[in-house]
C-alpha cells in the first residue's frame, strides 16, 4: 500500500479507522485481519497528518500564560517566583523581551517548562 495523497483519501481512511475501532480492542490478536488493517491505516494517517498538519512548538509566551493559569499565578506572583520586576514579567508576556539565561533557568526549573521552549530552540 502506498501513501495517502489527497484529503478525500485521508477522510476515507479516518472513516475506516472509526469502523475498525468498533471491532478491534486490547484483546484482539495481533494477527487478526482487522487488527492488521487498523495498524496499517493508522500509520498511513499518521504520516499524512505529520506532513499536512504539523504540530508547532508553542511559544514561550503561550507556555508562560498556560503555566500561570495552571498554577493560579498572577503577574506579581510570577515576578516574585522568578525574582524579577512585575514590569519585566509583563515584557515577557507581551513578547517585547526575552529572559536572561539566569531567568530562563528559573522558568524552566520552577515552572517546569522545557528548556528548549524557554531558550527558543
PDB file of N, CA and C in Angstrom:
ATOM      1  N   UNK A   1       0.850  -1.175   0.000  1.00  0.00           N
ATOM      2  CA  UNK A   1       0.000   0.000   0.000  1.00  0.00           C
ATOM      3  C   UNK A   1       0.896   1.238   0.000  1.00  0.00           C
ATOM      4  N   UNK A   2       0.509   2.246  -0.746  1.00  0.00           N
ATOM      5  CA  UNK A   2       1.291   3.465  -0.880  1.00  0.00           C
ATOM      6  C   UNK A   2       1.095   4.405   0.276  1.00  0.00           C
ATOM      7  N   UNK A   3       0.860   5.659  -0.063  1.00  0.00           N
ATOM      8  CA  UNK A   3       0.626   6.638   0.975  1.00  0.00           C
ATOM      9  C   UNK A   3      -0.634   7.420   0.635  1.00  0.00           C
ATOM     10  N   UNK A   4      -1.190   8.089   1.614  1.00  0.00           N
ATOM     11  CA  UNK A   4      -2.385   8.898   1.402  1.00  0.00           C
ATOM     12  C   UNK A   4      -1.945  10.175   0.699  1.00  0.00           C
ATOM     13  N   UNK A   5      -2.589  10.480  -0.424  1.00  0.00           N
ATOM     14  CA  UNK A   5      -2.167  11.621  -1.231  1.00  0.00           C
ATOM     15  C   UNK A   5      -3.174  12.766  -1.238  1.00  0.00           C
ATOM     16  N   UNK A   6      -4.433  12.474  -1.004  1.00  0.00           N
ATOM     17  CA  UNK A   6      -5.458  13.525  -1.082  1.00  0.00           C
ATOM     18  C   UNK A   6      -6.260  13.595   0.214  1.00  0.00           C
ATOM     19  N   UNK A   7      -6.934  14.710   0.391  1.00  0.00           N
ATOM     20  CA  UNK A   7      -7.772  14.867   1.576  1.00  0.00           C
ATOM     21  C   UNK A   7      -8.940  13.875   1.546  1.00  0.00           C
ATOM     22  N   UNK A   8      -9.442  13.579   0.353  1.00  0.00           N
ATOM     23  CA  UNK A   8     -10.533  12.602   0.220  1.00  0.00           C
ATOM     24  C   UNK A   8     -10.075  11.225   0.706  1.00  0.00           C
ATOM     25  N   UNK A   9      -8.862  10.824   0.323  1.00  0.00           N
ATOM     26  CA  UNK A   9      -8.316   9.547   0.787  1.00  0.00           C
ATOM     27  C   UNK A   9      -8.120   9.578   2.307  1.00  0.00           C
ATOM     28  N   UNK A  10      -7.659  10.718   2.798  1.00  0.00           N
ATOM     29  CA  UNK A  10      -7.440  10.874   4.243  1.00  0.00           C
ATOM     30  C   UNK A  10      -8.748  10.685   5.006  1.00  0.00           C
ATOM     31  N   UNK A  11      -9.807  11.350   4.547  1.00  0.00           N
ATOM     32  CA  UNK A  11     -11.112  11.232   5.220  1.00  0.00           C
ATOM     33  C   UNK A  11     -11.640   9.807   5.161  1.00  0.00           C
ATOM     34  N   UNK A  12     -11.466   9.148   4.028  1.00  0.00           N
ATOM     35  CA  UNK A  12     -11.919   7.757   3.898  1.00  0.00           C
ATOM     36  C   UNK A  12     -11.148   6.860   4.862  1.00  0.00           C
ATOM     37  N   UNK A  13      -9.846   7.104   4.980  1.00  0.00           N
ATOM     38  CA  UNK A  13      -9.028   6.308   5.899  1.00  0.00           C
ATOM     39  C   UNK A  13      -9.469   6.535   7.350  1.00  0.00           C
ATOM     40  N   UNK A  14      -9.754   7.781   7.698  1.00  0.00           N
ATOM     41  CA  UNK A  14     -10.228   8.085   9.066  1.00  0.00           C
ATOM     42  C   UNK A  14     -11.566   7.407   9.334  1.00  0.00           C
ATOM     43  N   UNK A  15     -12.446   7.411   8.344  1.00  0.00           N
ATOM     44  CA  UNK A  15     -13.739   6.736   8.496  1.00  0.00           C
ATOM     45  C   UNK A  15     -13.536   5.238   8.713  1.00  0.00           C
ATOM     46  N   UNK A  16     -12.608   4.663   7.968  1.00  0.00           N
ATOM     47  CA  UNK A  16     -12.334   3.221   8.106  1.00  0.00           C
ATOM     48  C   UNK A  16     -11.745   2.916   9.479  1.00  0.00           C
ATOM     49  N   UNK A  17     -10.904   3.795   9.972  1.00  0.00           N
ATOM     50  CA  UNK A  17     -10.353   3.610  11.318  1.00  0.00           C
ATOM     51  C   UNK A  17     -11.477   3.587  12.344  1.00  0.00           C
ATOM     52  N   UNK A  18     -12.425   4.498  12.208  1.00  0.00           N
ATOM     53  CA  UNK A  18     -13.566   4.531  13.136  1.00  0.00           C
ATOM     54  C   UNK A  18     -14.332   3.214  13.104  1.00  0.00           C
ATOM     55  N   UNK A  19     -14.524   2.664  11.916  1.00  0.00           N
ATOM     56  CA  UNK A  19     -15.217   1.380  11.790  1.00  0.00           C
ATOM     57  C   UNK A  19     -14.423   0.254  12.463  1.00  0.00           C
ATOM     58  N   UNK A  20     -13.125   0.248  12.220  1.00  0.00           N
ATOM     59  CA  UNK A  20     -12.279  -0.820  12.775  1.00  0.00           C
ATOM     60  C   UNK A  20     -12.173  -0.735  14.293  1.00  0.00           C
ATOM     61  N   UNK A  21     -12.209   0.478  14.836  1.00  0.00           N
ATOM     62  CA  UNK A  21     -12.120   0.630  16.288  1.00  0.00           C
ATOM     63  C   UNK A  21     -13.314   0.011  17.008  1.00  0.00           C
ATOM     64  N   UNK A  22     -14.408  -0.199  16.288  1.00  0.00           N
ATOM     65  CA  UNK A  22     -15.588  -0.825  16.886  1.00  0.00           C
ATOM     66  C   UNK A  22     -15.415  -2.332  17.029  1.00  0.00           C
ATOM     67  N   UNK A  23     -14.501  -2.916  16.242  1.00  0.00           N
ATOM     68  CA  UNK A  23     -14.321  -4.375  16.291  1.00  0.00           C
ATOM     69  C   UNK A  23     -12.961  -4.803  16.840  1.00  0.00           C
ATOM     70  N   UNK A  24     -12.032  -3.869  16.950  1.00  0.00           N
ATOM     71  CA  UNK A  24     -10.692  -4.195  17.470  1.00  0.00           C
ATOM     72  C   UNK A  24     -10.554  -3.597  18.867  1.00  0.00           C
ATOM     73  N   UNK A  25     -10.105  -4.418  19.797  1.00  0.00           N
ATOM     74  CA  UNK A  25      -9.853  -3.915  21.150  1.00  0.00           C
ATOM     75  C   UNK A  25      -8.530  -4.487  21.660  1.00  0.00           C
ATOM     76  N   UNK A  26      -8.256  -4.281  22.925  1.00  0.00           N
ATOM     77  CA  UNK A  26      -6.983  -4.745  23.502  1.00  0.00           C
ATOM     78  C   UNK A  26      -6.821  -6.257  23.493  1.00  0.00           C
ATOM     79  N   UNK A  27      -7.936  -6.970  23.374  1.00  0.00           N
ATOM     80  CA  UNK A  27      -7.879  -8.430  23.392  1.00  0.00           C
ATOM     81  C   UNK A  27      -7.804  -9.039  21.994  1.00  0.00           C
ATOM     82  N   UNK A  28      -7.828  -8.200  20.963  1.00  0.00           N
ATOM     83  CA  UNK A  28      -7.765  -8.699  19.593  1.00  0.00           C
ATOM     84  C   UNK A  28      -6.355  -9.213  19.300  1.00  0.00           C
ATOM     85  N   UNK A  29      -6.240 -10.428  18.764  1.00  0.00           N
ATOM     86  CA  UNK A  29      -4.911 -10.963  18.447  1.00  0.00           C
ATOM     87  C   UNK A  29      -4.201 -10.098  17.398  1.00  0.00           C
ATOM     88  N   UNK A  30      -2.902 -10.017  17.512  1.00  0.00           N
ATOM     89  CA  UNK A  30      -2.140  -9.163  16.600  1.00  0.00           C
ATOM     90  C   UNK A  30      -2.089  -9.710  15.176  1.00  0.00           C
ATOM     91  N   UNK A  31      -2.490 -10.950  14.976  1.00  0.00           N
ATOM     92  CA  UNK A  31      -2.525 -11.491  13.614  1.00  0.00           C
ATOM     93  C   UNK A  31      -3.935 -11.451  13.025  1.00  0.00           C
ATOM     94  N   UNK A  32      -4.872 -10.842  13.730  1.00  0.00           N
ATOM     95  CA  UNK A  32      -6.243 -10.686  13.237  1.00  0.00           C
ATOM     96  C   UNK A  32      -6.254  -9.728  12.047  1.00  0.00           C
ATOM     97  N   UNK A  33      -7.055 -10.046  11.038  1.00  0.00           N
ATOM     98  CA  UNK A  33      -7.136  -9.244   9.813  1.00  0.00           C
ATOM     99  C   UNK A  33      -7.507  -7.789  10.107  1.00  0.00           C
ATOM    100  N   UNK A  34      -8.491  -7.578  10.961  1.00  0.00           N
ATOM    101  CA  UNK A  34      -8.931  -6.217  11.297  1.00  0.00           C
ATOM    102  C   UNK A  34      -7.853  -5.451  12.061  1.00  0.00           C
ATOM    103  N   UNK A  35      -7.160  -6.141  12.957  1.00  0.00           N
ATOM    104  CA  UNK A  35      -6.070  -5.515  13.709  1.00  0.00           C
ATOM    105  C   UNK A  35      -4.965  -5.059  12.763  1.00  0.00           C
ATOM    106  N   UNK A  36      -4.592  -5.935  11.844  1.00  0.00           N
ATOM    107  CA  UNK A  36      -3.534  -5.607  10.889  1.00  0.00           C
ATOM    108  C   UNK A  36      -3.930  -4.428   9.998  1.00  0.00           C
ATOM    109  N   UNK A  37      -5.183  -4.427   9.561  1.00  0.00           N
ATOM    110  CA  UNK A  37      -5.661  -3.319   8.727  1.00  0.00           C
ATOM    111  C   UNK A  37      -5.655  -2.010   9.512  1.00  0.00           C
ATOM    112  N   UNK A  38      -6.109  -2.068  10.742  1.00  0.00           N
ATOM    113  CA  UNK A  38      -6.120  -0.863  11.588  1.00  0.00           C
ATOM    114  C   UNK A  38      -4.705  -0.341  11.800  1.00  0.00           C
ATOM    115  N   UNK A  39      -3.784  -1.226  12.056  1.00  0.00           N
ATOM    116  CA  UNK A  39      -2.387  -0.837  12.268  1.00  0.00           C
ATOM    117  C   UNK A  39      -1.817  -0.159  11.021  1.00  0.00           C
ATOM    118  N   UNK A  40      -2.069  -0.726   9.873  1.00  0.00           N
ATOM    119  CA  UNK A  40      -1.556  -0.191   8.614  1.00  0.00           C
ATOM    120  C   UNK A  40      -2.177   1.171   8.294  1.00  0.00           C
ATOM    121  N   UNK A  41      -3.488   1.261   8.376  1.00  0.00           N
ATOM    122  CA  UNK A  41      -4.165   2.524   8.049  1.00  0.00           C
ATOM    123  C   UNK A  41      -3.789   3.602   9.059  1.00  0.00           C
ATOM    124  N   UNK A  42      -3.639   3.236  10.304  1.00  0.00           N
ATOM    125  CA  UNK A  42      -3.245   4.222  11.322  1.00  0.00           C
ATOM    126  C   UNK A  42      -1.884   4.828  11.006  1.00  0.00           C
ATOM    127  N   UNK A  43      -0.955   3.997  10.558  1.00  0.00           N
ATOM    128  CA  UNK A  43       0.369   4.508  10.176  1.00  0.00           C
ATOM    129  C   UNK A  43       0.278   5.451   8.985  1.00  0.00           C
ATOM    130  N   UNK A  44      -0.551   5.112   8.011  1.00  0.00           N
ATOM    131  CA  UNK A  44      -0.718   5.966   6.833  1.00  0.00           C
ATOM    132  C   UNK A  44      -1.330   7.311   7.214  1.00  0.00           C
ATOM    133  N   UNK A  45      -2.333   7.272   8.077  1.00  0.00           N
ATOM    134  CA  UNK A  45      -2.974   8.507   8.529  1.00  0.00           C
ATOM    135  C   UNK A  45      -1.990   9.356   9.328  1.00  0.00           C
ATOM    136  N   UNK A  46      -1.214   8.728  10.181  1.00  0.00           N
ATOM    137  CA  UNK A  46      -0.222   9.463  10.983  1.00  0.00           C
ATOM    138  C   UNK A  46       0.801  10.150  10.080  1.00  0.00           C
ATOM    139  N   UNK A  47       1.252   9.447   9.043  1.00  0.00           N
ATOM    140  CA  UNK A  47       2.204  10.052   8.099  1.00  0.00           C
ATOM    141  C   UNK A  47       1.590  11.244   7.383  1.00  0.00           C
ATOM    142  N   UNK A  48       0.344  11.107   6.953  1.00  0.00           N
ATOM    143  CA  UNK A  48      -0.349  12.211   6.262  1.00  0.00           C
ATOM    144  C   UNK A  48      -0.505  13.409   7.191  1.00  0.00           C
ATOM    145  N   UNK A  49      -0.925  13.149   8.423  1.00  0.00           N
ATOM    146  CA  UNK A  49      -1.130  14.234   9.385  1.00  0.00           C
ATOM    147  C   UNK A  49       0.177  14.933   9.726  1.00  0.00           C
ATOM    148  N   UNK A  50       1.243  14.174   9.845  1.00  0.00           N
ATOM    149  CA  UNK A  50       2.546  14.763  10.154  1.00  0.00           C
ATOM    150  C   UNK A  50       2.984  15.718   9.037  1.00  0.00           C
ATOM    151  N   UNK A  51       2.672  15.346   7.803  1.00  0.00           N
ATOM    152  CA  UNK A  51       3.053  16.171   6.656  1.00  0.00           C
ATOM    153  C   UNK A  51       2.133  17.380   6.473  1.00  0.00           C
ATOM    154  N   UNK A  52       0.826  17.180   6.653  1.00  0.00           N
ATOM    155  CA  UNK A  52      -0.147  18.231   6.340  1.00  0.00           C
ATOM    156  C   UNK A  52      -0.640  19.027   7.540  1.00  0.00           C
ATOM    157  N   UNK A  53      -0.501  18.494   8.729  1.00  0.00           N
ATOM    158  CA  UNK A  53      -0.963  19.177   9.938  1.00  0.00           C
ATOM    159  C   UNK A  53       0.123  19.123  11.014  1.00  0.00           C
ATOM    160  N   UNK A  54       1.305  19.660  10.719  1.00  0.00           N
ATOM    161  CA  UNK A  54       2.390  19.554  11.703  1.00  0.00           C
ATOM    162  C   UNK A  54       2.063  20.319  12.986  1.00  0.00           C
ATOM    163  N   UNK A  55       2.494  19.743  14.090  1.00  0.00           N
ATOM    164  CA  UNK A  55       2.285  20.383  15.387  1.00  0.00           C
ATOM    165  C   UNK A  55       3.449  21.345  15.619  1.00  0.00           C
ATOM    166  N   UNK A  56       3.124  22.596  15.834  1.00  0.00           N
ATOM    167  CA  UNK A  56       4.143  23.611  16.049  1.00  0.00           C
ATOM    168  C   UNK A  56       4.575  23.627  17.510  1.00  0.00           C
ATOM    169  N   UNK A  57       5.823  23.974  17.739  1.00  0.00           N
ATOM    170  CA  UNK A  57       6.310  24.148  19.097  1.00  0.00           C
ATOM    171  C   UNK A  57       5.679  25.415  19.660  1.00  0.00           C
ATOM    172  N   UNK A  58       5.113  25.340  20.848  1.00  0.00           N
ATOM    173  CA  UNK A  58       4.479  26.537  21.410  1.00  0.00           C
ATOM    174  C   UNK A  58       5.506  27.623  21.731  1.00  0.00           C
ATOM    175  N   UNK A  59       5.046  28.857  21.703  1.00  0.00           N
ATOM    176  CA  UNK A  59       5.945  29.960  22.041  1.00  0.00           C
ATOM    177  C   UNK A  59       6.078  30.063  23.554  1.00  0.00           C
ATOM    178  N   UNK A  60       7.136  30.727  23.987  1.00  0.00           N
ATOM    179  CA  UNK A  60       7.350  30.929  25.414  1.00  0.00           C
ATOM    180  C   UNK A  60       6.182  31.699  26.013  1.00  0.00           C
ATOM    181  N   UNK A  61       5.684  32.697  25.298  1.00  0.00           N
ATOM    182  CA  UNK A  61       4.558  33.497  25.797  1.00  0.00           C
ATOM    183  C   UNK A  61       3.350  32.604  26.061  1.00  0.00           C
ATOM    184  N   UNK A  62       3.017  31.735  25.104  1.00  0.00           N
ATOM    185  CA  UNK A  62       1.871  30.836  25.265  1.00  0.00           C
ATOM    186  C   UNK A  62       2.061  29.888  26.444  1.00  0.00           C
ATOM    187  N   UNK A  63       3.260  29.345  26.577  1.00  0.00           N
ATOM    188  CA  UNK A  63       3.534  28.399  27.669  1.00  0.00           C
ATOM    189  C   UNK A  63       3.512  29.114  29.018  1.00  0.00           C
ATOM    190  N   UNK A  64       4.065  30.315  29.065  1.00  0.00           N
ATOM    191  CA  UNK A  64       4.034  31.088  30.323  1.00  0.00           C
ATOM    192  C   UNK A  64       2.599  31.366  30.753  1.00  0.00           C
ATOM    193  N   UNK A  65       1.769  31.799  29.813  1.00  0.00           N
ATOM    194  CA  UNK A  65       0.365  32.092  30.139  1.00  0.00           C
ATOM    195  C   UNK A  65      -0.363  30.841  30.609  1.00  0.00           C
ATOM    196  N   UNK A  66      -0.102  29.728  29.936  1.00  0.00           N
ATOM    197  CA  UNK A  66      -0.732  28.469  30.339  1.00  0.00           C
ATOM    198  C   UNK A  66      -0.278  28.066  31.741  1.00  0.00           C
ATOM    199  N   UNK A  67       1.027  28.136  31.985  1.00  0.00           N
ATOM    200  CA  UNK A  67       1.546  27.739  33.291  1.00  0.00           C
ATOM    201  C   UNK A  67       1.014  28.662  34.388  1.00  0.00           C
ATOM    202  N   UNK A  68       0.898  29.954  34.094  1.00  0.00           N
ATOM    203  CA  UNK A  68       0.334  30.892  35.076  1.00  0.00           C
ATOM    204  C   UNK A  68      -1.096  30.484  35.411  1.00  0.00           C
ATOM    205  N   UNK A  69      -1.860  30.123  34.382  1.00  0.00           N
ATOM    206  CA  UNK A  69      -3.241  29.684  34.610  1.00  0.00           C
ATOM    207  C   UNK A  69      -3.268  28.402  35.445  1.00  0.00           C
ATOM    208  N   UNK A  70      -2.452  27.426  35.052  1.00  0.00           N
ATOM    209  CA  UNK A  70      -2.432  26.140  35.748  1.00  0.00           C
ATOM    210  C   UNK A  70      -2.019  26.278  37.212  1.00  0.00           C
ATOM    211  N   UNK A  71      -1.096  27.206  37.474  1.00  0.00           N
ATOM    212  CA  UNK A  71      -0.578  27.369  38.830  1.00  0.00           C
ATOM    213  C   UNK A  71      -1.272  28.503  39.589  1.00  0.00           C
ATOM    214  N   UNK A  72      -2.292  29.097  38.966  1.00  0.00           N
ATOM    215  CA  UNK A  72      -3.034  30.227  39.552  1.00  0.00           C
ATOM    216  C   UNK A  72      -2.093  31.358  39.971  1.00  0.00           C
ATOM    217  N   UNK A  73      -1.188  31.708  39.053  1.00  0.00           N
ATOM    218  CA  UNK A  73      -0.229  32.767  39.336  1.00  0.00           C
ATOM    219  C   UNK A  73      -0.645  34.075  38.670  1.00  0.00           C
ATOM    220  N   UNK A  74      -0.542  35.145  39.403  1.00  0.00           N
ATOM    221  CA  UNK A  74      -0.701  36.472  38.812  1.00  0.00           C
ATOM    222  C   UNK A  74       0.665  36.909  38.308  1.00  0.00           C
ATOM    223  N   UNK A  75       0.699  38.017  37.580  1.00  0.00           N
ATOM    224  CA  UNK A  75       1.992  38.528  37.119  1.00  0.00           C
ATOM    225  C   UNK A  75       2.878  38.889  38.309  1.00  0.00           C
ATOM    226  N   UNK A  76       2.257  39.429  39.348  1.00  0.00           N
ATOM    227  CA  UNK A  76       3.016  39.800  40.548  1.00  0.00           C
ATOM    228  C   UNK A  76       3.619  38.567  41.210  1.00  0.00           C
ATOM    229  N   UNK A  77       2.807  37.521  41.374  1.00  0.00           N
ATOM    230  CA  UNK A  77       3.314  36.291  41.997  1.00  0.00           C
ATOM    231  C   UNK A  77       4.408  35.657  41.137  1.00  0.00           C
ATOM    232  N   UNK A  78       4.227  35.696  39.805  1.00  0.00           N
ATOM    233  CA  UNK A  78       5.246  35.154  38.917  1.00  0.00           C
ATOM    234  C   UNK A  78       6.542  35.946  39.034  1.00  0.00           C
ATOM    235  N   UNK A  79       6.429  37.258  39.134  1.00  0.00           N
ATOM    236  CA  UNK A  79       7.637  38.085  39.270  1.00  0.00           C
ATOM    237  C   UNK A  79       8.382  37.747  40.557  1.00  0.00           C
ATOM    238  N   UNK A  80       7.640  37.496  41.638  1.00  0.00           N
ATOM    239  CA  UNK A  80       8.273  37.104  42.904  1.00  0.00           C
ATOM    240  C   UNK A  80       8.953  35.743  42.776  1.00  0.00           C
ATOM    241  N   UNK A  81       8.280  34.824  42.107  1.00  0.00           N
ATOM    242  CA  UNK A  81       8.821  33.475  41.927  1.00  0.00           C
ATOM    243  C   UNK A  81      10.115  33.494  41.113  1.00  0.00           C
ATOM    244  N   UNK A  82      10.182  34.376  40.119  1.00  0.00           N
ATOM    245  CA  UNK A  82      11.349  34.446  39.242  1.00  0.00           C
ATOM    246  C   UNK A  82      12.376  35.488  39.673  1.00  0.00           C
ATOM    247  N   UNK A  83      12.051  36.227  40.727  1.00  0.00           N
ATOM    248  CA  UNK A  83      12.929  37.295  41.225  1.00  0.00           C
ATOM    249  C   UNK A  83      13.213  38.367  40.172  1.00  0.00           C
ATOM    250  N   UNK A  84      12.153  38.780  39.483  1.00  0.00           N
ATOM    251  CA  UNK A  84      12.242  39.881  38.522  1.00  0.00           C
ATOM    252  C   UNK A  84      11.094  40.845  38.818  1.00  0.00           C
ATOM    253  N   UNK A  85      11.140  42.011  38.225  1.00  0.00           N
ATOM    254  CA  UNK A  85      10.093  43.003  38.468  1.00  0.00           C
ATOM    255  C   UNK A  85       8.812  42.620  37.724  1.00  0.00           C
ATOM    256  N   UNK A  86       7.659  43.077  38.222  1.00  0.00           N
ATOM    257  CA  UNK A  86       6.397  42.822  37.526  1.00  0.00           C
ATOM    258  C   UNK A  86       6.404  43.377  36.101  1.00  0.00           C
ATOM    259  N   UNK A  87       7.091  44.504  35.901  1.00  0.00           N
ATOM    260  CA  UNK A  87       7.148  45.073  34.548  1.00  0.00           C
ATOM    261  C   UNK A  87       7.943  44.171  33.604  1.00  0.00           C
ATOM    262  N   UNK A  88       8.955  43.501  34.134  1.00  0.00           N
ATOM    263  CA  UNK A  88       9.750  42.575  33.319  1.00  0.00           C
ATOM    264  C   UNK A  88       8.887  41.376  32.904  1.00  0.00           C
ATOM    265  N   UNK A  89       8.065  40.878  33.838  1.00  0.00           N
ATOM    266  CA  UNK A  89       7.153  39.773  33.517  1.00  0.00           C
ATOM    267  C   UNK A  89       6.187  40.219  32.425  1.00  0.00           C
ATOM    268  N   UNK A  90       5.703  41.441  32.536  1.00  0.00           N
ATOM    269  CA  UNK A  90       4.810  41.990  31.520  1.00  0.00           C
ATOM    270  C   UNK A  90       5.480  42.012  30.148  1.00  0.00           C
ATOM    271  N   UNK A  91       6.752  42.355  30.126  1.00  0.00           N
ATOM    272  CA  UNK A  91       7.502  42.367  28.865  1.00  0.00           C
ATOM    273  C   UNK A  91       7.676  40.955  28.311  1.00  0.00           C
ATOM    274  N   UNK A  92       7.892  39.964  29.186  1.00  0.00           N
ATOM    275  CA  UNK A  92       7.987  38.576  28.726  1.00  0.00           C
ATOM    276  C   UNK A  92       6.660  38.146  28.106  1.00  0.00           C
ATOM    277  N   UNK A  93       5.564  38.487  28.791  1.00  0.00           N
ATOM    278  CA  UNK A  93       4.236  38.049  28.346  1.00  0.00           C
ATOM    279  C   UNK A  93       3.771  38.750  27.075  1.00  0.00           C
ATOM    280  N   UNK A  94       4.297  39.922  26.817  1.00  0.00           N
ATOM    281  CA  UNK A  94       3.930  40.630  25.589  1.00  0.00           C
ATOM    282  C   UNK A  94       4.879  40.288  24.444  1.00  0.00           C
ATOM    283  N   UNK A  95       5.954  39.600  24.757  1.00  0.00           N
ATOM    284  CA  UNK A  95       6.926  39.231  23.739  1.00  0.00           C
ATOM    285  C   UNK A  95       7.910  40.348  23.415  1.00  0.00           C
ATOM    286  N   UNK A  96       7.894  41.409  24.200  1.00  0.00           N
ATOM    287  CA  UNK A  96       8.795  42.547  23.961  1.00  0.00           C
ATOM    288  C   UNK A  96      10.229  42.251  24.372  1.00  0.00           C
ATOM    289  N   UNK A  97      10.390  41.257  25.237  1.00  0.00           N
ATOM    290  CA  UNK A  97      11.716  40.999  25.799  1.00  0.00           C
ATOM    291  C   UNK A  97      11.838  39.505  26.077  1.00  0.00           C
ATOM    292  N   UNK A  98      13.061  39.005  25.976  1.00  0.00           N
ATOM    293  CA  UNK A  98      13.331  37.601  26.288  1.00  0.00           C
ATOM    294  C   UNK A  98      14.066  37.522  27.621  1.00  0.00           C
ATOM    295  N   UNK A  99      13.866  36.431  28.344  1.00  0.00           N
ATOM    296  CA  UNK A  99      14.538  36.304  29.640  1.00  0.00           C
ATOM    297  C   UNK A  99      16.040  36.126  29.496  1.00  0.00           C
ATOM    298  N   UNK A 100      16.757  36.574  30.509  1.00  0.00           N
ATOM    299  CA  UNK A 100      18.196  36.314  30.570  1.00  0.00           C
ATOM    300  C   UNK A 100      18.391  34.824  30.818  1.00  0.00           C
ATOM    301  N   UNK A 101      19.598  34.356  30.671  1.00  0.00           N
ATOM    302  CA  UNK A 101      19.881  32.944  30.897  1.00  0.00           C
ATOM    303  C   UNK A 101      19.524  32.533  32.327  1.00  0.00           C
ATOM    304  N   UNK A 102      19.833  33.390  33.285  1.00  0.00           N
ATOM    305  CA  UNK A 102      19.516  33.096  34.687  1.00  0.00           C
ATOM    306  C   UNK A 102      18.013  32.961  34.891  1.00  0.00           C
ATOM    307  N   UNK A 103      17.244  33.896  34.345  1.00  0.00           N
ATOM    308  CA  UNK A 103      15.782  33.853  34.486  1.00  0.00           C
ATOM    309  C   UNK A 103      15.220  32.662  33.702  1.00  0.00           C
ATOM    310  N   UNK A 104      15.810  32.383  32.551  1.00  0.00           N
ATOM    311  CA  UNK A 104      15.364  31.236  31.754  1.00  0.00           C
ATOM    312  C   UNK A 104      15.526  29.940  32.542  1.00  0.00           C
ATOM    313  N   UNK A 105      16.632  29.806  33.245  1.00  0.00           N
ATOM    314  CA  UNK A 105      16.837  28.626  34.095  1.00  0.00           C
ATOM    315  C   UNK A 105      15.759  28.532  35.163  1.00  0.00           C
ATOM    316  N   UNK A 106      15.465  29.672  35.785  1.00  0.00           N
ATOM    317  CA  UNK A 106      14.433  29.699  36.830  1.00  0.00           C
ATOM    318  C   UNK A 106      13.065  29.320  36.252  1.00  0.00           C
ATOM    319  N   UNK A 107      12.748  29.839  35.077  1.00  0.00           N
ATOM    320  CA  UNK A 107      11.473  29.493  34.433  1.00  0.00           C
ATOM    321  C   UNK A 107      11.390  28.000  34.182  1.00  0.00           C
ATOM    322  N   UNK A 108      12.453  27.472  33.651  1.00  0.00           N
ATOM    323  CA  UNK A 108      12.473  26.049  33.336  1.00  0.00           C
ATOM    324  C   UNK A 108      12.325  25.211  34.599  1.00  0.00           C
ATOM    325  N   UNK A 109      13.056  25.573  35.619  1.00  0.00           N
ATOM    326  CA  UNK A 109      13.068  24.786  36.858  1.00  0.00           C
ATOM    327  C   UNK A 109      11.800  24.978  37.679  1.00  0.00           C
ATOM    328  N   UNK A 110      11.424  26.225  37.937  1.00  0.00           N
ATOM    329  CA  UNK A 110      10.314  26.494  38.842  1.00  0.00           C
ATOM    330  C   UNK A 110       8.937  26.335  38.192  1.00  0.00           C
ATOM    331  N   UNK A 111       8.872  26.536  36.878  1.00  0.00           N
ATOM    332  CA  UNK A 111       7.584  26.420  36.196  1.00  0.00           C
ATOM    333  C   UNK A 111       7.474  25.124  35.402  1.00  0.00           C
ATOM    334  N   UNK A 112       8.551  24.334  35.435  1.00  0.00           N
ATOM    335  CA  UNK A 112       8.588  23.064  34.714  1.00  0.00           C
ATOM    336  C   UNK A 112       8.287  23.258  33.220  1.00  0.00           C
ATOM    337  N   UNK A 113       9.011  24.204  32.624  1.00  0.00           N
ATOM    338  CA  UNK A 113       8.887  24.472  31.188  1.00  0.00           C
ATOM    339  C   UNK A 113      10.148  23.939  30.527  1.00  0.00           C
ATOM    340  N   UNK A 114       9.967  23.205  29.443  1.00  0.00           N
ATOM    341  CA  UNK A 114      11.085  22.639  28.722  1.00  0.00           C
ATOM    342  C   UNK A 114      12.096  23.728  28.362  1.00  0.00           C
ATOM    343  N   UNK A 115      13.350  23.451  28.606  1.00  0.00           N
ATOM    344  CA  UNK A 115      14.411  24.442  28.348  1.00  0.00           C
ATOM    345  C   UNK A 115      14.458  24.851  26.882  1.00  0.00           C
ATOM    346  N   UNK A 116      14.137  23.951  25.974  1.00  0.00           N
ATOM    347  CA  UNK A 116      14.136  24.305  24.547  1.00  0.00           C
ATOM    348  C   UNK A 116      13.103  25.374  24.240  1.00  0.00           C
ATOM    349  N   UNK A 117      11.976  25.346  24.907  1.00  0.00           N
ATOM    350  CA  UNK A 117      10.944  26.360  24.694  1.00  0.00           C
ATOM    351  C   UNK A 117      11.405  27.688  25.299  1.00  0.00           C
ATOM    352  N   UNK A 118      11.948  27.638  26.497  1.00  0.00           N
ATOM    353  CA  UNK A 118      12.406  28.859  27.164  1.00  0.00           C
ATOM    354  C   UNK A 118      13.499  29.532  26.351  1.00  0.00           C
ATOM    355  N   UNK A 119      14.386  28.737  25.787  1.00  0.00           N
ATOM    356  CA  UNK A 119      15.516  29.278  25.038  1.00  0.00           C
ATOM    357  C   UNK A 119      15.182  29.522  23.556  1.00  0.00           C
ATOM    358  N   UNK A 120      13.969  29.125  23.147  1.00  0.00           N
ATOM    359  CA  UNK A 120      13.563  29.337  21.759  1.00  0.00           C
ATOM    360  C   UNK A 120      14.262  28.441  20.768  1.00  0.00           C
ATOM    361  N   UNK A 121      14.672  27.269  21.219  1.00  0.00           N
ATOM    362  CA  UNK A 121      15.392  26.324  20.346  1.00  0.00           C
ATOM    363  C   UNK A 121      14.391  25.503  19.570  1.00  0.00           C
TER     364      UNK A 121
END
